[in-house]
Structures are given as structure tokens and as C-alpha cells.
């Protein structure tokens, strides 16, 4: 697997932006709480060598590239649990 090119990253960010817009709109319609994983995980991207929440394309760990690793899964679960308890 090769790292993503800059144009691919821009395209993927656009796709996720559109998807999040749809999810936010659907959440608003039912008076729910939308948790923006992109915003909440800022600074924990695959390039962060100290505290990444996502695996990089070059990772040789078990986690699938560009998906949450163990730290990310635990952190996202904490974020969801806090939102539920509000």
C-alpha cells in the first residue's frame, strides 16, 4: 500500500465532508447530538508519531490503515459515552 497523494487526500476530505454534512442534517432532524469525529480527533492523525488515533498506510500493526487504532477506539468510545451522559 502506498501513501495517499495530496489530490487523493483532498478528494477524500471532500467525501467525508459531504457525508458528515448529511449525517449532521439527519441528526438535527431528530434532535440528536452529532459528534464530529474529524474535529474531535484533530491532532491525532496517522502522521502524529506520539499519539495517533488512526493507523497510517505504512503501519505494520494489525489495524487497517486509515482506521482507528486501539487508542483511537478507546478515545472515541469515551467521547460517545460522555455525550450519552449529558
N, C-alpha and C. Protein backbone atom coordinates (compact mmCIF):
# COMPACT_ATOMS: atom_id res chain seq x y z
N UNK A 1 0.85 -1.17 0.00
CA UNK A 1 0.00 0.00 0.00
C UNK A 1 0.89 1.23 0.00
N UNK A 2 0.53 2.21 -0.80
CA UNK A 2 1.30 3.45 -0.87
C UNK A 2 0.55 4.57 -0.16
N UNK A 3 1.27 5.55 0.36
CA UNK A 3 0.59 6.68 1.00
C UNK A 3 -0.31 7.40 -0.01
N UNK A 4 -1.29 8.12 0.50
CA UNK A 4 -2.21 8.85 -0.37
C UNK A 4 -1.54 10.10 -0.92
N UNK A 5 -1.83 10.40 -2.17
CA UNK A 5 -1.32 11.63 -2.78
C UNK A 5 -2.13 12.82 -2.27
N UNK A 6 -1.58 14.02 -2.42
CA UNK A 6 -2.29 15.22 -1.97
C UNK A 6 -3.66 15.36 -2.64
N UNK A 7 -3.79 15.14 -3.97
CA UNK A 7 -5.12 15.21 -4.58
C UNK A 7 -6.09 14.16 -4.01
N UNK A 8 -5.58 12.98 -3.72
CA UNK A 8 -6.45 11.95 -3.13
C UNK A 8 -6.91 12.35 -1.73
N UNK A 9 -6.02 12.97 -0.97
CA UNK A 9 -6.39 13.43 0.38
C UNK A 9 -7.47 14.50 0.27
N UNK A 10 -7.31 15.45 -0.66
CA UNK A 10 -8.33 16.50 -0.83
C UNK A 10 -9.67 15.89 -1.24
N UNK A 11 -9.64 14.90 -2.15
CA UNK A 11 -10.87 14.24 -2.59
C UNK A 11 -11.53 13.53 -1.41
N UNK A 12 -10.72 12.78 -0.64
CA UNK A 12 -11.29 12.03 0.49
C UNK A 12 -11.85 12.98 1.55
N UNK A 13 -11.17 14.08 1.81
CA UNK A 13 -11.69 15.07 2.76
C UNK A 13 -13.03 15.62 2.28
N UNK A 14 -13.17 15.84 0.98
CA UNK A 14 -14.44 16.31 0.43
C UNK A 14 -15.55 15.29 0.59
N UNK A 15 -15.23 14.02 0.34
CA UNK A 15 -16.22 12.95 0.51
C UNK A 15 -16.67 12.87 1.96
N UNK A 16 -15.71 12.90 2.88
CA UNK A 16 -16.07 12.83 4.30
C UNK A 16 -16.83 14.08 4.73
N UNK A 17 -16.48 15.23 4.17
CA UNK A 17 -17.20 16.46 4.48
C UNK A 17 -18.66 16.38 4.05
N UNK A 18 -18.91 15.84 2.85
CA UNK A 18 -20.28 15.67 2.38
C UNK A 18 -21.04 14.66 3.24
N UNK A 19 -20.39 13.56 3.56
CA UNK A 19 -21.03 12.53 4.39
C UNK A 19 -21.37 13.10 5.77
N UNK A 20 -20.43 13.83 6.36
CA UNK A 20 -20.69 14.42 7.67
C UNK A 20 -21.80 15.45 7.61
N UNK A 21 -21.89 16.19 6.51
CA UNK A 21 -22.98 17.15 6.35
C UNK A 21 -24.33 16.44 6.33
N UNK A 22 -24.41 15.33 5.63
CA UNK A 22 -25.65 14.55 5.60
C UNK A 22 -25.99 13.96 6.96
N UNK A 23 -24.97 13.45 7.64
CA UNK A 23 -25.20 12.88 8.97
C UNK A 23 -25.62 13.96 9.97
N UNK A 24 -24.99 15.13 9.87
CA UNK A 24 -25.34 16.24 10.76
C UNK A 24 -26.79 16.67 10.51
N UNK A 25 -27.19 16.76 9.24
CA UNK A 25 -28.56 17.14 8.91
C UNK A 25 -29.57 16.12 9.43
N UNK A 26 -29.26 14.84 9.27
CA UNK A 26 -30.16 13.79 9.77
C UNK A 26 -30.24 13.83 11.29
N UNK A 27 -29.12 14.10 11.93
CA UNK A 27 -29.09 14.19 13.39
C UNK A 27 -29.94 15.36 13.87
N UNK A 28 -29.83 16.49 13.19
CA UNK A 28 -30.62 17.67 13.56
C UNK A 28 -32.11 17.41 13.43
N UNK A 29 -32.51 16.65 12.41
CA UNK A 29 -33.93 16.36 12.20
C UNK A 29 -34.55 15.58 13.34
N UNK A 30 -33.76 14.81 14.06
CA UNK A 30 -34.30 14.01 15.17
C UNK A 30 -33.85 14.57 16.52
N UNK A 31 -33.36 15.82 16.51
CA UNK A 31 -32.89 16.49 17.72
C UNK A 31 -31.80 15.68 18.43
N UNK A 32 -30.94 15.07 17.64
CA UNK A 32 -29.84 14.28 18.20
C UNK A 32 -28.59 15.12 18.39
N UNK A 33 -27.54 14.47 18.81
CA UNK A 33 -26.25 15.10 19.02
C UNK A 33 -25.26 14.53 18.02
N UNK A 34 -24.77 15.38 17.12
CA UNK A 34 -23.78 14.94 16.13
C UNK A 34 -22.39 15.10 16.73
N UNK A 35 -21.62 14.03 16.72
CA UNK A 35 -20.25 14.06 17.20
C UNK A 35 -19.32 14.06 15.98
N UNK A 36 -18.66 15.16 15.76
CA UNK A 36 -17.78 15.32 14.60
C UNK A 36 -16.43 14.68 14.89
N UNK A 37 -16.27 13.44 14.46
CA UNK A 37 -15.04 12.69 14.73
C UNK A 37 -13.82 13.38 14.14
N UNK A 38 -13.99 14.05 13.01
CA UNK A 38 -12.86 14.75 12.40
C UNK A 38 -12.35 15.86 13.31
N UNK A 39 -13.27 16.65 13.82
CA UNK A 39 -12.89 17.75 14.71
C UNK A 39 -12.38 17.21 16.05
N UNK A 40 -13.05 16.21 16.59
CA UNK A 40 -12.70 15.68 17.90
C UNK A 40 -11.37 14.93 17.92
N UNK A 41 -10.95 14.45 16.77
CA UNK A 41 -9.68 13.71 16.72
C UNK A 41 -8.54 14.55 16.14
N UNK A 42 -8.77 15.85 15.99
CA UNK A 42 -7.73 16.73 15.43
C UNK A 42 -6.43 16.59 16.21
N UNK A 43 -5.35 16.46 15.49
CA UNK A 43 -4.04 16.31 16.12
C UNK A 43 -3.65 14.87 16.39
N UNK A 44 -4.54 13.95 16.09
CA UNK A 44 -4.27 12.53 16.32
C UNK A 44 -4.27 11.75 15.01
N UNK A 45 -3.91 12.42 13.92
CA UNK A 45 -3.91 11.80 12.60
C UNK A 45 -2.78 10.77 12.49
N UNK A 46 -2.76 9.98 11.42
CA UNK A 46 -1.73 8.95 11.27
C UNK A 46 -0.30 9.48 11.24
N UNK A 47 -0.12 10.76 10.93
CA UNK A 47 1.24 11.33 10.88
C UNK A 47 1.75 11.71 12.27
N UNK A 48 0.88 11.75 13.25
CA UNK A 48 1.28 12.07 14.62
C UNK A 48 2.04 10.87 15.18
N UNK A 49 3.31 11.04 15.44
CA UNK A 49 4.13 9.92 15.90
C UNK A 49 4.02 9.66 17.39
N UNK A 50 3.43 10.59 18.14
CA UNK A 50 3.34 10.44 19.59
C UNK A 50 1.99 9.87 20.02
N UNK A 51 0.90 10.40 19.49
CA UNK A 51 -0.43 9.97 19.95
C UNK A 51 -1.42 9.83 18.80
N UNK A 52 -1.13 8.98 17.81
CA UNK A 52 -2.08 8.81 16.71
C UNK A 52 -3.29 7.99 17.13
N UNK A 53 -4.45 8.34 16.60
CA UNK A 53 -5.66 7.54 16.82
C UNK A 53 -5.98 6.69 15.61
N UNK A 54 -5.27 6.93 14.52
CA UNK A 54 -5.51 6.22 13.26
C UNK A 54 -4.20 5.59 12.79
N UNK A 55 -4.30 4.49 12.10
CA UNK A 55 -3.12 3.85 11.53
C UNK A 55 -2.77 4.48 10.19
N UNK A 56 -1.50 4.54 9.88
CA UNK A 56 -1.06 5.08 8.60
C UNK A 56 -1.03 3.97 7.55
N UNK A 57 -0.83 4.36 6.32
CA UNK A 57 -0.74 3.39 5.23
C UNK A 57 0.49 2.50 5.39
N UNK A 58 1.47 2.98 6.12
CA UNK A 58 2.73 2.24 6.26
C UNK A 58 2.80 1.44 7.56
N UNK A 59 1.73 1.44 8.32
CA UNK A 59 1.72 0.72 9.59
C UNK A 59 1.85 -0.77 9.36
N UNK A 60 2.60 -1.41 10.21
CA UNK A 60 2.70 -2.86 10.14
C UNK A 60 1.99 -3.51 11.33
N UNK A 61 1.09 -2.76 11.93
CA UNK A 61 0.27 -3.30 13.01
C UNK A 61 -0.95 -4.00 12.42
N UNK A 62 -1.74 -4.61 13.27
CA UNK A 62 -2.91 -5.36 12.81
C UNK A 62 -4.01 -4.43 12.30
N UNK A 63 -4.13 -3.24 12.87
CA UNK A 63 -5.21 -2.32 12.49
C UNK A 63 -5.13 -1.97 11.01
N UNK A 64 -6.28 -1.81 10.38
CA UNK A 64 -6.35 -1.49 8.96
C UNK A 64 -5.94 -0.03 8.75
N UNK A 65 -5.13 0.26 7.74
CA UNK A 65 -4.69 1.64 7.51
C UNK A 65 -5.87 2.63 7.41
N UNK A 66 -5.66 3.81 7.97
CA UNK A 66 -6.62 4.91 7.99
C UNK A 66 -7.85 4.61 8.84
N UNK A 67 -7.80 3.59 9.66
CA UNK A 67 -8.87 3.28 10.59
C UNK A 67 -8.36 3.47 12.01
N UNK A 68 -9.29 3.57 12.95
CA UNK A 68 -8.91 3.76 14.35
C UNK A 68 -8.01 2.63 14.84
N UNK A 69 -7.01 3.01 15.62
CA UNK A 69 -6.21 2.01 16.33
C UNK A 69 -6.81 1.86 17.73
N UNK A 70 -6.13 1.16 18.62
CA UNK A 70 -6.67 0.93 19.96
C UNK A 70 -6.88 2.25 20.71
N UNK A 71 -5.89 3.13 20.66
CA UNK A 71 -6.03 4.42 21.36
C UNK A 71 -7.19 5.23 20.80
N UNK A 72 -7.36 5.21 19.49
CA UNK A 72 -8.46 5.94 18.87
C UNK A 72 -9.81 5.34 19.22
N UNK A 73 -9.89 4.03 19.25
CA UNK A 73 -11.15 3.36 19.61
C UNK A 73 -11.55 3.68 21.04
N UNK A 74 -10.59 3.65 21.95
CA UNK A 74 -10.87 3.97 23.35
C UNK A 74 -11.29 5.44 23.48
N UNK A 75 -10.58 6.32 22.80
CA UNK A 75 -10.90 7.75 22.88
C UNK A 75 -12.27 8.06 22.31
N UNK A 76 -12.60 7.47 21.16
CA UNK A 76 -13.93 7.69 20.56
C UNK A 76 -15.03 7.12 21.45
N UNK A 77 -14.79 5.97 22.06
CA UNK A 77 -15.77 5.40 22.98
C UNK A 77 -16.00 6.34 24.16
N UNK A 78 -14.93 6.94 24.68
CA UNK A 78 -15.06 7.90 25.78
C UNK A 78 -15.88 9.12 25.34
N UNK A 79 -15.64 9.60 24.13
CA UNK A 79 -16.38 10.76 23.61
C UNK A 79 -17.86 10.43 23.49
N UNK A 80 -18.19 9.26 22.97
CA UNK A 80 -19.60 8.85 22.83
C UNK A 80 -20.23 8.69 24.21
N UNK A 81 -19.53 8.05 25.14
CA UNK A 81 -20.07 7.86 26.49
C UNK A 81 -20.35 9.19 27.17
N UNK A 82 -19.45 10.16 27.02
CA UNK A 82 -19.68 11.48 27.61
C UNK A 82 -20.91 12.16 27.01
N UNK A 83 -21.10 12.00 25.70
CA UNK A 83 -22.26 12.60 25.03
C UNK A 83 -23.55 11.94 25.51
N UNK A 84 -23.53 10.64 25.72
CA UNK A 84 -24.72 9.93 26.20
C UNK A 84 -25.09 10.38 27.61
N UNK A 85 -24.10 10.64 28.43
CA UNK A 85 -24.34 11.00 29.84
C UNK A 85 -24.81 12.44 30.02
N UNK A 86 -24.70 13.27 28.97
CA UNK A 86 -25.12 14.68 29.08
C UNK A 86 -26.60 14.81 29.25
